[in-house]
């Protein structure tokens, strides 16, 4: 068993699992995670760390939690402002920063952070792809038409990628470095995946919603005008003041939904725990 899965860390691990599972259920049910839920995980984790530090007379346990939270606060904001995360996902990542420093050795903690982010991205990508494929089968006719439409729009991207791949293969062949051929296939695959994601978004992620069903943070598909006031479609979502206006609107509104991404946190965290239990030497 890993040196990290010890008595004082078991509470943090169980706490994180419970909070992530409830966050997943919230996200799947209403496409958002309550702020109070994410903030309460931070509060409980740090309060527990402080209590253990006082009892043990060693304040590194709470300091590690604060440092971890600070690091993941930075990562959460980076992912949010890079438009990779929604607000709830970013806050859940920040909360896990108070959980994941499971060692007094910061070389080990940095390894834990690195493995978690890597596992989160890998499992999240697999999950998102499977979820998207499910949506495609559910909306196959509309998706097929939209894919062909998007393919026509982005044919130049594919041709540029193809030219790059031909040049790349010739370069690595003459340099006897054929082991790098995979890079060429990844570049060639990119425009296909890009068109696929655009078609999925247009046919599976856009829904016409009654104004009274719109919630804070929802993404407008396009700009709308209410009482001569323009509400812009932007990645930060609908604000409180905009939501008040929308509630008075009598028409349906096109809302763009994303893939609920909190399951990726659960998958990444569970796989991390398995690696710590099964291959403790990695840390």
Protein backbone atom coordinates (compact mmCIF):
# COMPACT_ATOMS: atom_id res chain seq x y z
CA UNK A 1 0.00 0.00 0.00
CA UNK A 2 1.18 3.51 -0.82
CA UNK A 3 2.82 5.55 1.90
CA UNK A 4 0.26 8.24 1.06
CA UNK A 5 -2.85 6.22 1.96
CA UNK A 6 -2.43 6.57 5.72
CA UNK A 7 -4.85 7.26 8.57
CA UNK A 8 -4.62 11.05 8.53
CA UNK A 9 -5.21 11.12 4.78
CA UNK A 10 -8.11 8.66 4.67
CA UNK A 11 -10.61 11.29 5.82
CA UNK A 12 -9.44 13.68 3.08
CA UNK A 13 -9.70 10.94 0.43
CA UNK A 14 -13.22 9.89 1.51
CA UNK A 15 -14.27 13.55 1.78
CA UNK A 16 -13.07 14.23 -1.76
CA UNK A 17 -14.79 11.13 -3.17
CA UNK A 18 -18.14 12.03 -1.58
CA UNK A 19 -17.94 15.65 -2.74
CA UNK A 20 -16.92 14.73 -6.29
CA UNK A 21 -19.71 12.13 -6.62
CA UNK A 22 -22.36 14.64 -5.48
CA UNK A 23 -20.86 17.26 -7.82
CA UNK A 24 -21.17 14.77 -10.70
CA UNK A 25 -24.82 14.11 -9.85
CA UNK A 26 -25.52 17.85 -9.72
CA UNK A 27 -23.76 18.42 -13.04
CA UNK A 28 -25.58 15.58 -14.81
CA UNK A 29 -28.96 16.67 -13.42
CA UNK A 30 -28.85 20.45 -13.89
CA UNK A 31 -25.59 21.12 -15.80
CA UNK A 32 -24.02 23.08 -12.97
CA UNK A 33 -22.38 22.52 -9.58
CA UNK A 34 -23.47 24.71 -6.68
CA UNK A 35 -20.80 27.17 -5.57
CA UNK A 36 -21.56 26.40 -1.93
CA UNK A 37 -20.78 22.72 -2.59
CA UNK A 38 -17.31 23.48 -3.95
CA UNK A 39 -16.59 26.08 -1.27
CA UNK A 40 -17.69 23.69 1.50
CA UNK A 41 -15.14 21.10 0.31
CA UNK A 42 -12.41 23.73 0.68
CA UNK A 43 -13.69 24.69 4.14
CA UNK A 44 -14.01 21.11 5.44
CA UNK A 45 -10.62 20.04 4.05
CA UNK A 46 -8.76 23.00 5.56
CA UNK A 47 -10.66 22.78 8.86
CA UNK A 48 -9.72 19.10 9.16
CA UNK A 49 -6.10 19.84 8.31
CA UNK A 50 -6.01 22.57 10.95
CA UNK A 51 -7.53 20.25 13.61
CA UNK A 52 -4.99 17.50 12.83
CA UNK A 53 -2.15 20.03 12.93
CA UNK A 54 -3.21 21.30 16.36
CA UNK A 55 -3.63 17.77 17.71
CA UNK A 56 -0.24 16.60 16.33
CA UNK A 57 1.59 19.84 17.06
CA UNK A 58 2.84 19.93 13.47
CA UNK A 59 1.43 22.74 11.35
CA UNK A 60 2.84 21.50 8.07
CA UNK A 61 -0.36 19.49 7.54
CA UNK A 62 -2.46 22.67 7.29
CA UNK A 63 0.29 24.61 5.50
CA UNK A 64 0.49 21.88 2.85
CA UNK A 65 -3.26 22.21 2.30
CA UNK A 66 -3.02 25.98 1.93
CA UNK A 67 -0.09 25.73 -0.48
CA UNK A 68 -1.92 23.07 -2.53
CA UNK A 69 -5.04 25.21 -2.64
CA UNK A 70 -2.99 28.20 -3.81
CA UNK A 71 -1.38 26.16 -6.61
CA UNK A 72 -4.69 24.76 -7.81
CA UNK A 73 -6.30 28.19 -7.47
CA UNK A 74 -3.80 29.34 -10.08
CA UNK A 75 -4.43 26.27 -12.27
CA UNK A 76 -8.20 26.68 -11.98
CA UNK A 77 -8.03 30.30 -13.11
CA UNK A 78 -5.63 29.36 -15.92
CA UNK A 79 -8.04 26.72 -17.24
CA UNK A 80 -11.04 29.02 -16.75
CA UNK A 81 -9.61 32.04 -18.54
CA UNK A 82 -8.22 29.77 -21.25
CA UNK A 83 -11.86 28.75 -21.77
CA UNK A 84 -11.10 25.10 -21.06
CA UNK A 85 -13.22 25.01 -17.90
CA UNK A 86 -16.57 26.37 -16.83
CA UNK A 87 -16.68 28.17 -13.48
CA UNK A 88 -17.90 25.15 -11.50
CA UNK A 89 -15.17 22.90 -12.90
CA UNK A 90 -12.50 25.47 -12.03
CA UNK A 91 -13.77 25.78 -8.45
CA UNK A 92 -13.86 22.01 -8.00
CA UNK A 93 -10.24 21.83 -9.18
CA UNK A 94 -9.30 24.54 -6.67
CA UNK A 95 -11.03 22.58 -3.89
CA UNK A 96 -9.03 19.46 -4.75
CA UNK A 97 -5.88 21.51 -4.22
CA UNK A 98 -6.67 21.45 -0.49
CA UNK A 99 -6.98 17.64 -0.65
CA UNK A 100 -4.11 16.43 -2.82
CA UNK A 101 -0.99 17.41 -0.81
CA UNK A 102 -0.93 13.96 0.84
CA UNK A 103 2.74 13.98 1.81
CA UNK A 104 5.11 16.14 3.88
CA UNK A 105 7.61 15.75 1.01
CA UNK A 106 6.86 18.36 -1.66
CA UNK A 107 8.66 16.40 -4.36
CA UNK A 108 6.06 13.68 -3.79
CA UNK A 109 3.21 16.22 -3.68
CA UNK A 110 4.27 17.68 -7.01
CA UNK A 111 4.27 14.17 -8.47
CA UNK A 112 0.76 13.63 -7.11
CA UNK A 113 -0.38 16.92 -8.69
CA UNK A 114 1.23 16.01 -12.01
CA UNK A 115 -0.25 12.52 -12.10
CA UNK A 116 -3.70 13.82 -11.20
CA UNK A 117 -3.72 16.50 -13.91
CA UNK A 118 -2.41 14.00 -16.48
CA UNK A 119 -4.95 11.32 -15.51
CA UNK A 120 -7.73 13.91 -15.37
CA UNK A 121 -6.96 15.08 -18.92
CA UNK A 122 -6.58 11.54 -20.31
CA UNK A 123 -9.72 10.08 -18.71
CA UNK A 124 -11.59 13.32 -19.41
CA UNK A 125 -10.71 13.17 -23.11
CA UNK A 126 -11.84 9.53 -23.36
CA UNK A 127 -15.06 10.31 -21.47
CA UNK A 128 -15.81 13.39 -23.62
CA UNK A 129 -15.25 11.40 -26.83
CA UNK A 130 -17.56 8.59 -25.70
CA UNK A 131 -20.18 11.11 -24.58
CA UNK A 132 -19.97 12.92 -27.94
CA UNK A 133 -20.27 9.66 -29.89
CA UNK A 134 -23.41 8.86 -27.88
CA UNK A 135 -24.87 12.23 -28.86
CA UNK A 136 -23.98 11.58 -32.51
CA UNK A 137 -25.90 8.29 -32.57
CA UNK A 138 -28.85 10.00 -30.90
CA UNK A 139 -28.88 12.79 -33.50
CA UNK A 140 -27.40 10.93 -36.47
CA UNK A 141 -29.40 12.49 -39.34
CA UNK A 142 -28.83 16.08 -38.24
CA UNK A 143 -25.19 15.35 -37.40
CA UNK A 144 -24.48 13.82 -40.82
CA UNK A 145 -25.79 16.92 -42.63
CA UNK A 146 -23.91 19.29 -40.34
CA UNK A 147 -20.66 17.32 -40.60
CA UNK A 148 -20.72 17.55 -44.41
CA UNK A 149 -21.50 21.27 -44.15
CA UNK A 150 -18.63 21.90 -41.71
CA UNK A 151 -16.29 19.73 -43.79
CA UNK A 152 -16.88 21.98 -46.81
CA UNK A 153 -16.19 25.03 -44.64
CA UNK A 154 -12.86 23.66 -43.36
CA UNK A 155 -11.51 21.74 -46.36
CA UNK A 156 -8.54 24.12 -46.56
CA UNK A 157 -7.52 23.16 -43.01
CA UNK A 158 -7.39 19.49 -44.01
CA UNK A 159 -5.39 20.26 -47.19
CA UNK A 160 -2.86 22.30 -45.19
CA UNK A 161 -2.54 19.43 -42.71
CA UNK A 162 -2.10 16.95 -45.55
CA UNK A 163 0.67 19.04 -47.13
CA UNK A 164 2.41 19.31 -43.74
CA UNK A 165 2.20 15.53 -43.23
CA UNK A 166 3.69 14.78 -46.67
CA UNK A 167 6.58 17.17 -45.98
CA UNK A 168 6.99 15.80 -42.46
CA UNK A 169 7.18 12.17 -43.60
CA UNK A 170 9.81 13.02 -46.21
CA UNK A 171 11.88 14.97 -43.66
CA UNK A 172 11.88 12.25 -41.01
CA UNK A 173 12.51 9.59 -43.68
CA UNK A 174 15.68 11.31 -44.90
CA UNK A 175 16.73 11.91 -41.28
CA UNK A 176 16.07 8.23 -40.45
CA UNK A 177 13.75 9.29 -37.64
CA UNK A 178 10.61 7.36 -38.62
CA UNK A 179 9.69 6.91 -34.98
CA UNK A 180 8.30 10.47 -35.16
CA UNK A 181 5.79 9.54 -37.87
CA UNK A 182 2.98 9.50 -35.29
CA UNK A 183 3.20 13.30 -35.07
CA UNK A 184 2.16 13.50 -38.72
CA UNK A 185 -0.92 11.34 -38.16
CA UNK A 186 -1.93 13.47 -35.15
CA UNK A 187 -1.69 16.63 -37.28
CA UNK A 188 -3.76 14.96 -40.02
CA UNK A 189 -6.37 13.85 -37.50
CA UNK A 190 -6.78 17.31 -35.98
CA UNK A 191 -9.01 18.86 -38.72
CA UNK A 192 -11.24 15.76 -38.69
CA UNK A 193 -11.72 16.02 -34.92
CA UNK A 194 -12.24 19.77 -35.21
CA UNK A 195 -15.02 19.34 -37.80
CA UNK A 196 -16.49 16.50 -35.73
CA UNK A 197 -16.63 18.70 -32.59
CA UNK A 198 -18.17 21.61 -34.53
CA UNK A 199 -20.86 19.34 -35.98
CA UNK A 200 -21.60 17.85 -32.54
CA UNK A 201 -21.87 21.33 -31.05
CA UNK A 202 -24.25 22.61 -33.74
CA UNK A 203 -26.55 19.58 -33.77
CA UNK A 204 -26.39 18.18 -30.24
CA UNK A 205 -25.46 21.02 -27.89
CA UNK A 206 -27.84 23.81 -28.99
CA UNK A 207 -31.29 23.74 -27.41
CA UNK A 208 -34.29 26.06 -27.54
CA UNK A 209 -35.15 26.83 -23.91
CA UNK A 210 -38.10 28.78 -22.42
CA UNK A 211 -36.84 32.00 -20.83
CA UNK A 212 -38.04 30.92 -17.37
CA UNK A 213 -35.84 27.80 -17.61
CA UNK A 214 -32.62 29.71 -18.31
CA UNK A 215 -30.18 29.67 -15.39
CA UNK A 216 -27.24 31.76 -14.22
CA UNK A 217 -24.10 31.03 -16.23
CA UNK A 218 -25.88 29.47 -19.22
CA UNK A 219 -24.21 30.21 -22.56
CA UNK A 220 -26.26 32.06 -25.16
CA UNK A 221 -25.85 30.64 -28.65
CA UNK A 222 -26.23 34.09 -30.18
CA UNK A 223 -26.74 37.70 -29.12
CA UNK A 224 -30.31 38.68 -28.21
CA UNK A 225 -32.09 42.00 -27.71
CA UNK A 226 -34.50 42.58 -24.80
CA UNK A 227 -36.08 46.02 -24.33
CA UNK A 228 -33.50 47.42 -26.78
CA UNK A 229 -30.72 46.09 -24.58
CA UNK A 230 -28.22 43.77 -26.22
CA UNK A 231 -27.21 40.67 -24.28
CA UNK A 232 -24.05 39.28 -25.81
CA UNK A 233 -23.18 35.65 -26.20
CA UNK A 234 -19.88 35.12 -24.37
CA UNK A 235 -17.93 32.35 -22.69
CA UNK A 236 -18.55 33.71 -19.17
CA UNK A 237 -22.25 32.95 -19.46
CA UNK A 238 -25.34 34.87 -18.43
CA UNK A 239 -24.88 37.29 -15.50
CA UNK A 240 -27.40 38.02 -12.71
CA UNK A 241 -28.51 41.31 -14.26
CA UNK A 242 -28.90 39.67 -17.68
CA UNK A 243 -30.85 36.79 -16.16
CA UNK A 244 -33.40 39.23 -14.68
CA UNK A 245 -34.04 40.65 -18.14
CA UNK A 246 -34.25 37.20 -19.73
CA UNK A 247 -36.85 36.05 -17.20
CA UNK A 248 -39.15 38.76 -18.58
CA UNK A 249 -38.61 37.56 -22.15
CA UNK A 250 -41.58 35.64 -23.57
CA UNK A 251 -39.78 33.86 -26.38
CA UNK A 252 -37.61 30.77 -26.30
CA UNK A 253 -33.85 31.29 -26.27
CA UNK A 254 -31.13 29.23 -27.90
CA UNK A 255 -28.73 27.98 -25.22
CA UNK A 256 -25.43 26.25 -25.93
CA UNK A 257 -24.68 23.41 -23.53
CA UNK A 258 -21.32 21.78 -22.96
CA UNK A 259 -20.51 18.21 -22.01
CA UNK A 260 -20.87 17.81 -18.22
CA UNK A 261 -17.20 17.45 -17.32
CA UNK A 262 -17.23 16.69 -13.60
CA UNK A 263 -17.14 12.90 -14.24
CA UNK A 264 -13.57 13.44 -15.48
CA UNK A 265 -12.61 14.57 -11.95
CA UNK A 266 -14.06 11.36 -10.53
CA UNK A 267 -12.31 9.14 -13.09
CA UNK A 268 -8.98 10.94 -12.65
CA UNK A 269 -9.16 10.82 -8.85
CA UNK A 270 -10.16 7.15 -8.70
CA UNK A 271 -7.38 6.11 -11.10
CA UNK A 272 -4.90 8.18 -9.03
CA UNK A 273 -5.99 6.35 -5.86
CA UNK A 274 -5.59 3.01 -7.61
CA UNK A 275 -2.06 3.90 -8.73
CA UNK A 276 -1.15 5.02 -5.20
CA UNK A 277 -2.50 1.77 -3.77
CA UNK A 278 -1.14 -0.55 -6.47
CA UNK A 279 2.10 1.16 -7.45
CA UNK A 280 3.14 3.25 -4.45
CA UNK A 281 6.71 3.35 -5.76
CA UNK A 282 5.63 5.82 -8.44
CA UNK A 283 5.33 8.47 -5.77
